[in-house]
Protein backbone atom coordinates (compact mmCIF):
# COMPACT_ATOMS: atom_id res chain seq x y z
CA MET A 1 -15.28 -44.55 -8.09
CA ALA A 2 -13.46 -46.01 -10.42
CA LYS A 3 -9.84 -47.85 -10.49
CA VAL A 4 -6.94 -45.42 -11.71
CA GLN A 5 -6.06 -46.44 -15.18
CA ARG A 6 -3.98 -43.76 -16.91
CA ALA A 7 -2.15 -40.58 -15.87
CA LEU A 8 -0.78 -37.63 -17.88
CA ILE A 9 2.28 -35.75 -16.19
CA SER A 10 3.66 -32.63 -17.66
CA VAL A 11 5.77 -30.82 -14.92
CA SER A 12 8.17 -27.57 -14.95
CA ASP A 13 9.33 -28.37 -11.16
CA LYS A 14 10.65 -32.24 -11.47
CA SER A 15 11.19 -32.67 -8.40
CA GLY A 16 9.95 -36.01 -7.16
CA ILE A 17 8.36 -36.62 -10.46
CA VAL A 18 10.87 -39.79 -10.83
CA GLU A 19 10.00 -41.41 -7.92
CA PHE A 20 5.99 -40.96 -8.18
CA ALA A 21 5.79 -42.01 -11.91
CA ARG A 22 7.62 -45.10 -11.07
CA GLU A 23 5.41 -45.81 -8.40
CA LEU A 24 2.28 -45.45 -10.66
CA SER A 25 3.76 -47.90 -13.04
CA ARG A 26 4.53 -50.45 -10.50
CA LEU A 27 0.52 -50.01 -9.91
CA GLY A 28 0.07 -50.68 -13.62
CA ILE A 29 -0.99 -47.14 -14.20
CA GLU A 30 -0.12 -46.06 -17.88
CA ILE A 31 1.43 -42.86 -18.40
CA ILE A 32 1.57 -40.12 -21.03
CA SER A 33 3.69 -37.34 -20.69
CA THR A 34 5.00 -34.28 -22.96
CA GLY A 35 8.53 -32.44 -23.66
CA GLY A 36 11.00 -32.28 -21.20
CA THR A 37 9.17 -34.62 -18.78
CA ALA A 38 8.88 -37.31 -21.29
CA THR A 39 12.74 -37.05 -22.05
CA ALA A 40 13.23 -36.80 -18.05
CA LEU A 41 11.47 -40.26 -17.31
CA ARG A 42 12.55 -42.23 -20.11
CA GLY A 43 15.93 -41.26 -18.99
CA GLU A 44 14.99 -43.32 -15.79
CA LYS A 45 14.01 -46.42 -17.94
CA LEU A 46 10.45 -45.55 -17.37
CA LYS A 47 7.53 -46.47 -20.08
CA VAL A 48 5.71 -43.54 -21.39
CA LYS A 49 3.92 -42.43 -24.22
CA ASP A 50 3.82 -39.11 -25.86
CA VAL A 51 0.80 -36.81 -26.07
CA SER A 52 0.96 -36.35 -29.71
CA GLU A 53 1.12 -40.60 -30.03
CA TYR A 54 -1.95 -40.62 -27.71
CA THR A 55 -3.53 -37.93 -29.56
CA LYS A 56 -2.43 -38.84 -32.92
CA PHE A 57 -1.72 -34.93 -33.66
CA PRO A 58 1.80 -33.52 -33.57
CA GLU A 59 3.54 -30.86 -31.45
CA LEU A 60 3.25 -27.41 -33.15
CA LEU A 61 4.25 -23.87 -32.84
CA GLY A 62 7.45 -24.58 -31.07
CA GLY A 63 5.58 -26.76 -28.61
CA ARG A 64 3.19 -24.10 -27.71
CA LEU A 65 0.45 -26.54 -28.58
CA LYS A 66 0.79 -29.48 -27.55
CA THR A 67 -2.25 -30.57 -25.10
CA LEU A 68 -5.27 -28.62 -26.38
CA HIS A 69 -7.01 -31.49 -28.11
CA PRO A 70 -10.28 -32.94 -27.81
CA LYS A 71 -8.27 -36.45 -27.13
CA VAL A 72 -6.96 -34.92 -23.53
CA HIS A 73 -9.89 -32.75 -22.49
CA GLY A 74 -12.45 -35.27 -23.59
CA GLY A 75 -10.19 -37.87 -21.48
CA LEU A 76 -10.72 -35.54 -18.34
CA LEU A 77 -14.16 -34.03 -18.56
CA TRP A 78 -16.18 -37.01 -19.33
CA ARG A 79 -18.68 -37.87 -16.68
CA ARG A 80 -18.17 -41.43 -16.03
CA ASP A 81 -21.66 -41.82 -14.51
CA SER A 82 -23.05 -40.54 -17.42
CA GLU A 83 -24.40 -43.13 -20.19
CA LYS A 84 -24.12 -40.18 -22.68
CA ASP A 85 -20.83 -38.98 -22.28
CA LEU A 86 -19.67 -42.69 -21.84
CA GLU A 87 -21.29 -43.18 -25.76
CA GLU A 88 -19.65 -40.25 -26.97
CA ILE A 89 -16.28 -40.77 -25.75
CA ARG A 90 -16.42 -44.32 -27.30
CA ASN A 91 -17.51 -43.21 -30.67
CA ASN A 92 -14.39 -40.56 -30.84
CA HIS A 93 -12.55 -43.02 -29.67
CA ILE A 94 -11.16 -41.13 -26.34
CA GLU A 95 -9.65 -42.91 -23.21
CA SER A 96 -10.03 -41.73 -19.79
CA ILE A 97 -7.36 -39.86 -18.41
CA ASP A 98 -7.83 -40.27 -14.49
CA ILE A 99 -4.72 -38.13 -12.77
CA VAL A 100 -3.24 -35.03 -14.19
CA VAL A 101 0.09 -34.00 -12.70
CA VAL A 102 0.66 -30.61 -14.13
CA ASN A 103 2.94 -27.68 -12.54
CA LEU A 104 3.03 -24.55 -14.51
CA TYR A 105 5.50 -22.41 -16.81
CA PRO A 106 7.44 -20.82 -13.66
CA PHE A 107 6.10 -17.39 -14.46
CA GLU A 108 6.93 -15.60 -11.37
CA GLU A 109 10.63 -17.54 -11.01
CA THR A 110 11.08 -15.69 -14.61
CA VAL A 111 9.66 -12.31 -14.08
CA SER A 112 11.49 -12.07 -10.84
CA ARG A 113 14.75 -11.63 -12.58
CA SER A 114 15.95 -8.38 -13.17
CA ASN A 115 17.58 -9.10 -16.71
CA VAL A 116 14.02 -10.54 -17.68
CA THR A 117 12.60 -9.45 -21.56
CA PHE A 118 9.40 -8.65 -22.27
CA GLU A 119 9.18 -11.53 -24.51
CA GLU A 120 10.92 -14.02 -21.95
CA ALA A 121 7.78 -13.31 -19.99
CA ILE A 122 5.44 -13.69 -22.76
CA GLU A 123 7.05 -17.11 -23.61
CA ASN A 124 6.88 -18.22 -20.18
CA ILE A 125 2.79 -17.92 -19.96
CA ASP A 126 1.48 -21.24 -19.94
CA ILE A 127 -1.90 -22.25 -21.72
CA GLY A 128 -2.01 -25.72 -21.65
CA GLY A 129 -1.17 -26.18 -18.37
CA PRO A 130 -3.86 -24.28 -16.44
CA THR A 131 -6.46 -25.61 -19.21
CA MET A 132 -5.51 -29.15 -18.12
CA LEU A 133 -5.71 -28.11 -14.76
CA ARG A 134 -8.96 -26.58 -14.80
CA ALA A 135 -10.67 -29.33 -16.75
CA ALA A 136 -9.33 -31.79 -14.36
CA SER A 137 -10.58 -30.09 -11.40
CA LYS A 138 -14.13 -29.42 -12.82
CA ASN A 139 -14.00 -33.28 -13.25
CA PHE A 140 -13.06 -33.67 -9.66
CA LYS A 141 -15.39 -36.77 -8.70
CA ASP A 142 -13.60 -39.01 -11.31
CA VAL A 143 -10.09 -37.30 -11.89
CA THR A 144 -7.53 -36.83 -9.47
CA VAL A 145 -5.35 -33.48 -10.26
CA ILE A 146 -2.05 -32.85 -8.70
CA VAL A 147 -0.09 -29.44 -9.32
CA ASP A 148 1.96 -29.57 -5.82
CA PRO A 149 4.71 -32.27 -5.38
CA ALA A 150 3.83 -32.04 -1.47
CA ASP A 151 1.04 -34.28 -2.39
CA TYR A 152 2.33 -37.05 -4.25
CA GLN A 153 2.90 -39.35 -1.13
CA LYS A 154 -0.71 -38.73 0.04
CA VAL A 155 -2.05 -39.64 -3.53
CA LEU A 156 0.30 -42.86 -3.90
CA ASP A 157 -0.95 -43.95 -0.42
CA GLU A 158 -4.42 -43.84 -1.14
CA LEU A 159 -4.14 -45.85 -4.51
CA LYS A 160 -1.77 -48.69 -3.04
CA ASN A 161 -4.62 -48.76 0.19
CA GLN A 162 -7.68 -48.09 -1.57
CA ASN A 163 -7.56 -50.55 -4.48
CA GLY A 164 -6.13 -48.14 -6.88
CA GLU A 165 -8.64 -45.56 -6.13
CA VAL A 166 -8.51 -41.93 -4.85
CA ARG A 167 -10.88 -41.05 -1.62
CA TYR A 168 -13.36 -38.11 -3.20
CA ASP A 169 -12.10 -35.80 -0.15
CA THR A 170 -8.60 -35.64 -1.10
CA LYS A 171 -9.69 -35.36 -4.65
CA PHE A 172 -11.78 -32.33 -3.68
CA TYR A 173 -9.11 -31.13 -1.67
CA LEU A 174 -6.61 -31.17 -4.38
CA ALA A 175 -9.46 -29.51 -6.90
CA LYS A 176 -9.75 -26.44 -4.74
CA LYS A 177 -5.80 -26.20 -4.41
CA VAL A 178 -5.38 -26.12 -8.12
CA PHE A 179 -8.27 -23.57 -8.64
CA ALA A 180 -6.57 -21.48 -6.30
CA HIS A 181 -3.05 -21.82 -7.92
CA THR A 182 -4.33 -20.84 -11.14
CA ALA A 183 -6.05 -17.91 -9.98
CA ARG A 184 -2.78 -16.58 -8.69
CA TYR A 185 -1.19 -17.39 -11.95
CA ASP A 186 -3.53 -15.15 -13.71
CA THR A 187 -3.11 -12.93 -11.17
CA LEU A 188 0.64 -12.84 -11.47
CA ILE A 189 0.37 -12.71 -15.02
CA GLY A 190 -2.20 -9.61 -15.12
CA ASN A 191 -0.25 -7.38 -12.74
CA TYR A 192 3.22 -7.88 -14.66
CA LEU A 193 1.57 -7.03 -17.95
CA SER A 194 -0.32 -3.63 -16.19
CA ARG A 195 3.27 -2.18 -15.93
CA PHE A 196 3.53 -2.38 -19.63
CA GLY A 197 1.76 0.30 -22.44
CA ARG A 198 -0.07 3.37 -21.54
CA SER A 199 -2.60 3.84 -18.56
CA GLU A 200 -4.03 6.98 -17.44
CA GLU A 201 -5.77 5.07 -14.30
CA ILE A 202 -3.29 4.26 -11.48
CA PHE A 203 -5.71 2.40 -9.74
CA PRO A 204 -7.13 -0.84 -11.62
CA ALA A 205 -11.02 -1.08 -12.16
CA TYR A 206 -10.60 -5.01 -10.61
CA LEU A 207 -8.13 -5.40 -7.64
CA ASN A 208 -6.50 -8.88 -8.14
CA GLN A 209 -4.20 -9.69 -5.65
CA SER A 210 -2.82 -13.29 -4.89
CA PHE A 211 -0.64 -13.51 -2.01
CA LEU A 212 1.19 -16.94 -1.02
CA LYS A 213 0.94 -17.93 2.36
CA VAL A 214 4.34 -18.30 4.01
CA SER A 215 3.25 -19.44 7.40
CA ASN A 216 0.55 -19.62 10.66
CA LEU A 217 1.74 -17.48 13.11
CA ARG A 218 1.40 -18.13 16.93
CA TYR A 219 -1.50 -15.82 17.23
CA GLY A 220 -2.20 -12.35 15.88
CA GLU A 221 -2.33 -9.04 17.90
CA ASN A 222 -3.62 -10.86 20.81
CA PRO A 223 -3.66 -14.03 21.99
CA HIS A 224 -7.36 -14.87 21.43
CA GLN A 225 -7.07 -14.06 17.44
CA ASN A 226 -5.60 -16.48 14.72
CA ALA A 227 -3.12 -14.79 12.54
CA ALA A 228 -0.76 -16.23 9.47
CA LEU A 229 2.14 -14.69 7.17
CA TYR A 230 1.71 -14.14 3.25
CA LYS A 231 4.03 -13.22 0.89
CA GLU A 232 2.87 -10.55 -1.66
CA PRO A 233 3.68 -11.66 -5.16
CA LEU A 234 5.96 -10.03 -7.44
CA TYR A 235 7.41 -7.51 -4.96
CA ASN A 236 10.30 -5.27 -6.06
CA GLY A 237 10.95 -3.83 -3.05
CA LEU A 238 12.83 -5.65 -0.32
CA SER A 239 10.88 -7.69 1.65
CA ILE A 240 10.72 -8.56 5.78
CA VAL A 241 9.17 -11.74 4.41
CA ASP A 242 12.46 -12.19 2.62
CA ALA A 243 14.72 -11.75 5.47
CA LYS A 244 17.12 -14.61 6.69
CA ILE A 245 15.80 -15.58 10.34
CA LEU A 246 19.25 -16.50 12.08
CA GLN A 247 18.08 -17.55 15.61
CA GLY A 248 15.39 -16.78 18.15
CA LYS A 249 12.02 -17.82 19.06
CA GLU A 250 9.10 -17.86 16.28
CA MET A 251 8.38 -14.36 14.64
CA SER A 252 4.91 -12.91 16.00
CA TYR A 253 2.67 -10.74 14.45
CA ASN A 254 3.44 -7.72 16.25
CA ASN A 255 6.80 -8.00 15.56
CA TYR A 256 6.20 -8.22 12.05
CA LEU A 257 4.58 -5.06 12.36
CA ASP A 258 7.41 -3.58 14.07
CA SER A 259 9.80 -5.04 12.09
CA SER A 260 8.26 -3.83 8.77
CA ALA A 261 8.04 -0.15 10.28
CA ALA A 262 11.70 -0.05 11.55
CA ILE A 263 13.12 -1.03 7.84
CA ASP A 264 11.02 1.59 6.45
CA LEU A 265 12.62 3.94 8.61
CA VAL A 266 15.97 3.21 8.86
CA ARG A 267 16.17 2.88 4.95
CA GLU A 268 16.05 6.70 4.81
CA PHE A 269 19.55 7.10 6.22
CA LYS A 270 22.92 6.92 4.45
CA GLU A 271 25.21 7.22 7.20
CA PRO A 272 25.01 3.94 9.97
CA ALA A 273 21.70 4.24 11.49
CA ALA A 274 20.02 2.86 13.99
CA VAL A 275 16.17 2.75 14.56
CA ILE A 276 14.15 1.18 17.78
CA VAL A 277 10.46 0.67 17.64
CA LYS A 278 8.03 -0.24 20.18
CA HIS A 279 4.24 -0.57 19.24
CA ASN A 280 4.97 0.21 15.46
CA ASN A 281 6.39 3.97 16.32
CA PRO A 282 9.83 4.72 16.81
CA CYS A 283 11.33 5.66 20.51
CA GLY A 284 14.72 6.17 19.10
CA VAL A 285 16.35 7.00 15.97
CA ALA A 286 20.10 8.08 15.63
CA VAL A 287 23.02 8.65 13.19
CA SER A 288 26.95 8.17 13.73
CA ASN A 289 30.13 7.45 12.16
CA THR A 290 29.51 4.03 13.59
CA ILE A 291 27.06 1.88 14.19
CA HIS A 292 27.52 1.27 17.68
CA THR A 293 27.69 5.21 18.65
CA ALA A 294 24.56 5.47 16.10
CA TYR A 295 23.06 2.40 18.63
CA LYS A 296 23.94 3.80 22.08
CA LYS A 297 22.17 7.52 20.71
CA SER A 298 19.09 5.89 19.50
CA PHE A 299 18.72 3.89 22.88
CA GLU A 300 19.27 7.27 24.98
CA THR A 301 16.16 8.64 23.52
CA ASP A 302 13.88 6.24 25.72
CA PRO A 303 15.49 3.75 27.57
CA ILE A 304 12.32 3.01 29.00
CA SER A 305 10.06 2.53 25.85
CA ALA A 306 12.99 0.72 24.22
CA PHE A 307 12.72 -2.18 26.61
CA GLY A 308 10.92 -5.14 24.80
CA GLY A 309 11.23 -3.24 21.45
CA VAL A 310 12.79 -4.10 17.69
CA ILE A 311 15.78 -3.12 16.71
CA ALA A 312 16.86 -2.06 13.05
CA LEU A 313 20.61 -1.06 12.33
CA ASN A 314 21.56 -0.39 8.74
CA ARG A 315 25.15 -1.88 9.24
CA ASP A 316 26.46 -4.93 10.18
CA VAL A 317 26.49 -5.51 13.82
CA ASP A 318 29.99 -5.60 15.51
CA VAL A 319 30.92 -6.69 19.00
CA ALA A 320 30.79 -3.45 20.58
CA THR A 321 27.03 -3.13 19.43
CA ALA A 322 26.09 -6.51 20.10
CA ASN A 323 27.54 -6.16 23.96
CA GLU A 324 25.68 -2.86 23.99
CA ILE A 325 22.16 -4.50 23.11
CA LEU A 326 22.52 -7.38 25.33
CA ARG A 327 22.20 -4.82 28.37
CA LEU A 328 18.79 -4.53 27.18
CA PHE A 329 15.87 -6.96 26.87
CA VAL A 330 14.92 -6.80 22.98
CA GLU A 331 12.33 -8.88 21.08
CA VAL A 332 14.15 -8.72 17.48
CA ILE A 333 17.27 -7.55 15.74
CA LEU A 334 17.31 -6.71 11.97
CA ALA A 335 20.63 -5.98 10.51
CA THR A 336 22.46 -6.10 7.02
CA GLY A 337 24.66 -8.80 8.63
CA TYR A 338 26.58 -9.78 11.75
CA ASP A 339 30.16 -10.45 12.46
CA ALA A 340 31.27 -13.96 13.66
CA GLU A 341 31.66 -12.87 17.07
CA ALA A 342 29.03 -10.73 17.77
CA LEU A 343 26.61 -13.31 16.60
CA LYS A 344 28.11 -15.83 18.93
CA LEU A 345 27.63 -13.23 21.96
CA LEU A 346 23.80 -12.54 20.75
CA SER A 347 23.39 -16.20 20.61
CA GLN A 348 23.60 -16.22 24.64
CA LYS A 349 20.04 -15.37 24.57
CA SER A 350 18.57 -17.55 21.91
CA ASN A 351 15.10 -16.34 21.90
CA ILE A 352 16.21 -12.95 20.75
CA ARG A 353 15.11 -13.23 17.10
CA LEU A 354 17.97 -12.28 14.85
CA LEU A 355 17.46 -10.97 11.52
CA GLU A 356 19.61 -10.55 8.30
CA VAL A 357 18.01 -7.95 5.70
CA SER A 358 18.83 -6.04 2.91
CA LEU A 359 18.20 -2.63 2.95
CA ASP A 360 18.59 -1.05 -0.39
CA LYS A 361 16.13 1.45 -1.31
CA ASN A 362 12.14 0.19 -1.40
CA SER A 363 10.85 0.72 -4.80
CA GLY A 364 7.41 2.00 -3.29
CA GLY A 365 4.10 0.25 -4.72
CA PHE A 366 0.75 0.46 -2.88
CA GLU A 367 -0.29 0.00 0.65
CA MET A 368 -3.92 -1.78 1.42
CA ARG A 369 -5.99 -1.19 4.45
CA LYS A 370 -9.24 -3.12 5.05
CA ILE A 371 -12.19 -1.53 6.14
CA GLN A 372 -15.63 -3.02 6.55
CA GLY A 373 -17.11 -4.02 3.21
CA GLY A 374 -13.86 -2.75 1.34
CA LEU A 375 -10.21 -2.20 0.89
CA LEU A 376 -8.42 1.44 1.02
CA LEU A 377 -5.53 1.35 -1.70
CA GLN A 378 -2.79 4.38 -1.69
CA GLU A 379 0.72 4.72 -3.06
CA LYS A 380 3.64 3.93 -0.36
CA ASP A 381 4.47 7.28 1.04
CA THR A 382 7.95 7.58 -0.80
CA GLY A 383 8.06 11.69 -0.85
CA MET A 384 11.42 13.09 0.53
CA ILE A 385 13.13 16.08 0.23
CA ASP A 386 16.47 15.79 -1.75
CA ASP A 387 17.75 18.97 -0.76
CA PHE A 388 16.63 20.94 2.32
CA GLY A 389 18.73 23.72 1.60
CA SER A 390 16.25 24.76 -0.94
CA LEU A 391 13.31 24.96 1.19
CA ARG A 392 11.38 27.98 1.89
CA VAL A 393 12.44 29.68 5.30
CA VAL A 394 9.22 31.57 6.32
CA THR A 395 10.51 33.44 9.41
CA ARG A 396 12.83 36.27 9.47
CA LYS A 397 15.72 34.12 11.18
CA LYS A 398 17.26 31.87 8.74
CA PRO A 399 18.34 28.03 9.43
CA THR A 400 22.34 27.70 11.08
CA ALA A 401 24.28 24.73 9.27
CA ASP A 402 23.61 22.88 12.19
CA GLU A 403 19.98 23.51 12.64
CA LEU A 404 19.06 22.94 8.91
CA ALA A 405 21.03 19.13 9.35
CA ALA A 406 18.48 18.73 12.20
CA LEU A 407 15.86 19.79 10.63
CA SER A 408 16.60 17.30 7.92
CA PHE A 409 17.02 14.62 10.45
CA ALA A 410 13.64 15.12 12.37
CA TRP A 411 11.83 15.31 8.90
CA LYS A 412 12.77 11.93 8.17
CA VAL A 413 11.90 10.44 11.72
CA CYS A 414 8.58 12.23 11.45
CA LYS A 415 7.26 10.66 8.36
CA HIS A 416 7.20 7.43 10.03
CA VAL A 417 5.65 8.54 13.32
CA LYS A 418 2.09 8.02 13.60
CA SER A 419 -0.06 11.41 13.45
CA ASN A 420 -0.31 13.86 15.02
CA ALA A 421 3.33 13.73 15.13
CA ILE A 422 5.77 15.91 16.76
CA VAL A 423 9.75 15.10 16.96
CA TYR A 424 12.35 16.90 18.75
CA THR A 425 16.01 16.10 17.56
CA SER A 426 19.39 17.25 17.21
CA LYS A 427 21.47 17.28 13.91
CA ASP A 428 22.08 13.21 14.88
CA ARG A 429 19.59 11.70 16.95
CA THR A 430 15.85 11.84 18.58
CA LEU A 431 15.28 14.26 21.98
CA GLY A 432 11.54 13.67 22.34
CA ILE A 433 8.75 11.92 20.17
CA GLY A 434 5.33 12.93 20.34
CA VAL A 435 3.11 10.15 19.17
CA GLY A 436 -0.50 9.58 17.70
CA GLN A 437 -2.19 12.08 19.79
CA THR A 438 -5.34 13.69 18.95
CA SER A 439 -4.35 17.29 19.35
CA ARG A 440 -0.64 18.82 18.00
CA VAL A 441 -0.14 20.64 21.03
CA ASP A 442 -0.68 17.74 23.09
CA SER A 443 1.69 15.90 20.86
CA ALA A 444 4.22 18.59 21.30
CA ASN A 445 3.53 18.66 25.53
CA PHE A 446 3.95 14.73 25.56
CA ALA A 447 7.24 14.57 23.66
CA ALA A 448 8.56 17.63 26.12
CA ILE A 449 7.44 16.09 28.92
CA ARG A 450 9.00 12.55 28.09
CA ALA A 451 11.89 14.32 27.55
CA ALA A 452 12.04 16.43 30.57
CA ASN A 453 11.27 12.93 32.48
CA LEU A 454 14.47 11.41 31.19
CA ASN A 455 16.58 14.51 31.80
CA ILE A 456 16.90 15.23 28.18
CA SER A 457 17.49 18.76 27.49
CA LEU A 458 15.44 20.46 24.20
CA LYS A 459 17.44 23.61 24.27
CA GLY A 460 18.52 24.39 20.86
CA SER A 461 16.87 21.57 19.35
CA ALA A 462 14.77 21.16 15.78
CA VAL A 463 10.98 20.36 15.36
CA ALA A 464 9.41 18.40 12.78
CA SER A 465 5.58 18.39 12.61
CA ASP A 466 4.18 15.89 10.43
CA ALA A 467 1.43 18.71 8.96
CA PHE A 468 0.85 21.89 9.06
CA PHE A 469 0.28 23.87 12.80
CA PRO A 470 -3.53 24.96 12.95
CA ASN A 471 -2.95 27.47 15.31
CA ARG A 472 0.36 29.61 16.85
CA ASP A 473 -0.41 27.72 20.13
CA GLY A 474 2.16 24.88 19.26
CA ILE A 475 4.97 26.77 18.61
CA ASP A 476 4.51 28.61 21.93
CA VAL A 477 4.71 25.36 23.51
CA ILE A 478 8.05 24.55 21.54
CA ALA A 479 9.44 27.23 22.15
CA LYS A 480 8.81 26.90 25.92
CA THR A 481 11.53 24.21 25.64
CA GLY A 482 14.32 25.77 23.92
CA ALA A 483 13.54 24.61 20.68
CA THR A 484 14.89 27.05 17.87
CA ALA A 485 13.79 25.50 14.86
CA VAL A 486 11.02 24.08 13.18
CA ILE A 487 9.93 22.56 10.20
CA GLN A 488 6.51 21.82 8.49
CA PRO A 489 4.35 21.44 5.68
CA GLY A 490 2.84 24.88 6.04
CA GLY A 491 -0.90 25.41 4.60
CA SER A 492 -3.00 26.49 7.33
CA ILE A 493 -5.17 29.47 7.16
CA LYS A 494 -3.67 30.90 9.72
CA ASP A 495 -0.19 30.28 8.61
CA ASN A 496 0.51 34.00 9.21
CA ASP A 497 0.16 33.52 12.99
CA VAL A 498 2.12 30.78 13.21
CA ILE A 499 4.91 32.50 11.63
CA ALA A 500 4.56 35.70 13.67
CA ALA A 501 4.82 33.51 16.79
CA ALA A 502 8.20 31.79 15.42
CA ASP A 503 9.00 35.23 14.84
CA GLU A 504 8.38 36.71 18.54
CA HIS A 505 10.51 33.48 19.63
CA ASN A 506 13.12 34.41 17.78
CA MET A 507 12.67 30.63 15.87
CA THR A 508 13.61 29.73 12.40
CA MET A 509 11.02 28.18 10.11
CA LEU A 510 11.12 25.99 7.13
CA PHE A 511 7.76 25.52 4.83
CA THR A 512 7.95 21.85 3.50
CA GLY A 513 4.43 22.12 1.06
CA MET A 514 4.84 18.42 1.71
CA ARG A 515 2.79 16.45 4.28
CA HIS A 516 3.39 13.26 6.27
CA PHE A 517 0.19 12.09 7.79
CA LYS A 518 0.57 8.47 9.15
CA HIS A 519 -2.88 7.08 10.67
């Protein structure tokens, strides 16, 4: 190792940079800098040499060309243990650069603004910064490279305690961090630019994603599994990762899964709505004219399964709703906000996780699922029916206004239930939910049995099925419960038998032509 003599500093994020540079100066390290960084350091009475003074070449093209010069990259890339490299840099009057401190133009921050122009985005693509970072990282044995202000103190401590040097292990750690950072930066740019121009291919030939780690989690689905939370770059939807956590225990892996499912479902409704999710499936959903009443109705679907569940509300939590929820053991509450008194009440149970979320309409995007040796990618299921009154009625009996409202409600819920899904509802709440059975008949029976066990009548109810009925037996089961209306995609080779069964039972049936499998 050689004692550090010279540092090049060029940062967009200037937090902590003045203090860091001041300590470098006290250690006798020369500082080279550019543009706004040099101005900021001089403003604090620090001695700084401009890059253009060091290279003897002016900045050009409105600042686009500053550090792309052999004197910069030669100073970074020459191998300190190579006699040939040493001879070449001496012959070309190149000086060593031993520390590089660079963070990049704020591309992600820029393109995340709703009003950003394409031209602004392009100008925030950093060229010189990534090039210096990569050069320094390639030569990490001899050059210390810092991209994160959180590492300033670590480097300073070693310079002071290691006779002006930085340990090999530290330099290697910092170089790995840089390559991950520049890879993410390039991915962000590539993903942003892919939105523009014409492309007939929805899915790219190479899928580049770079998720930013938010935190480690206590464990995964089970205590013996490690887990962590990552944030998706340039996510234009509204994210559970961005939710404001007001109180409670640390969010777990399962909490995030259930919370995400609950948010997706409650977003389907404009009127006050409440959703209770357990094990990634709804166990109660309701709408009403107040959020308090909506929550009570959602709870009544299955009070047993609601125990230890996740609640999502598309309105602020008021005192009445808070008091109602406090009767139940609940893991997480997600809402658009909390009245001051409601928040005070809920704080009595300090372990309840209270999250404040924005529930504007999700803009879609892709869903990913890892499989052995690969990854499945699909568009998010944003399909929904705008006008249920325009759907094809395939039975002799036409739906009443109340039945049509109930079918609309049932279909919105069914979309978010694991297949095979059967959902019995009234026009404003779920009555029985059949989840994830291998047979559609079993799902219909399970939901009916669950409702009966809770003394919930299914007479006059509406039923949604996420996929077509392959045979009439499912309709026969549903008819025995007293349900009078069915909504389903249609498309079975036995549709005529299924329709005939509905007619026999004097039921109304609508075909959507749209399936909502959720595996």
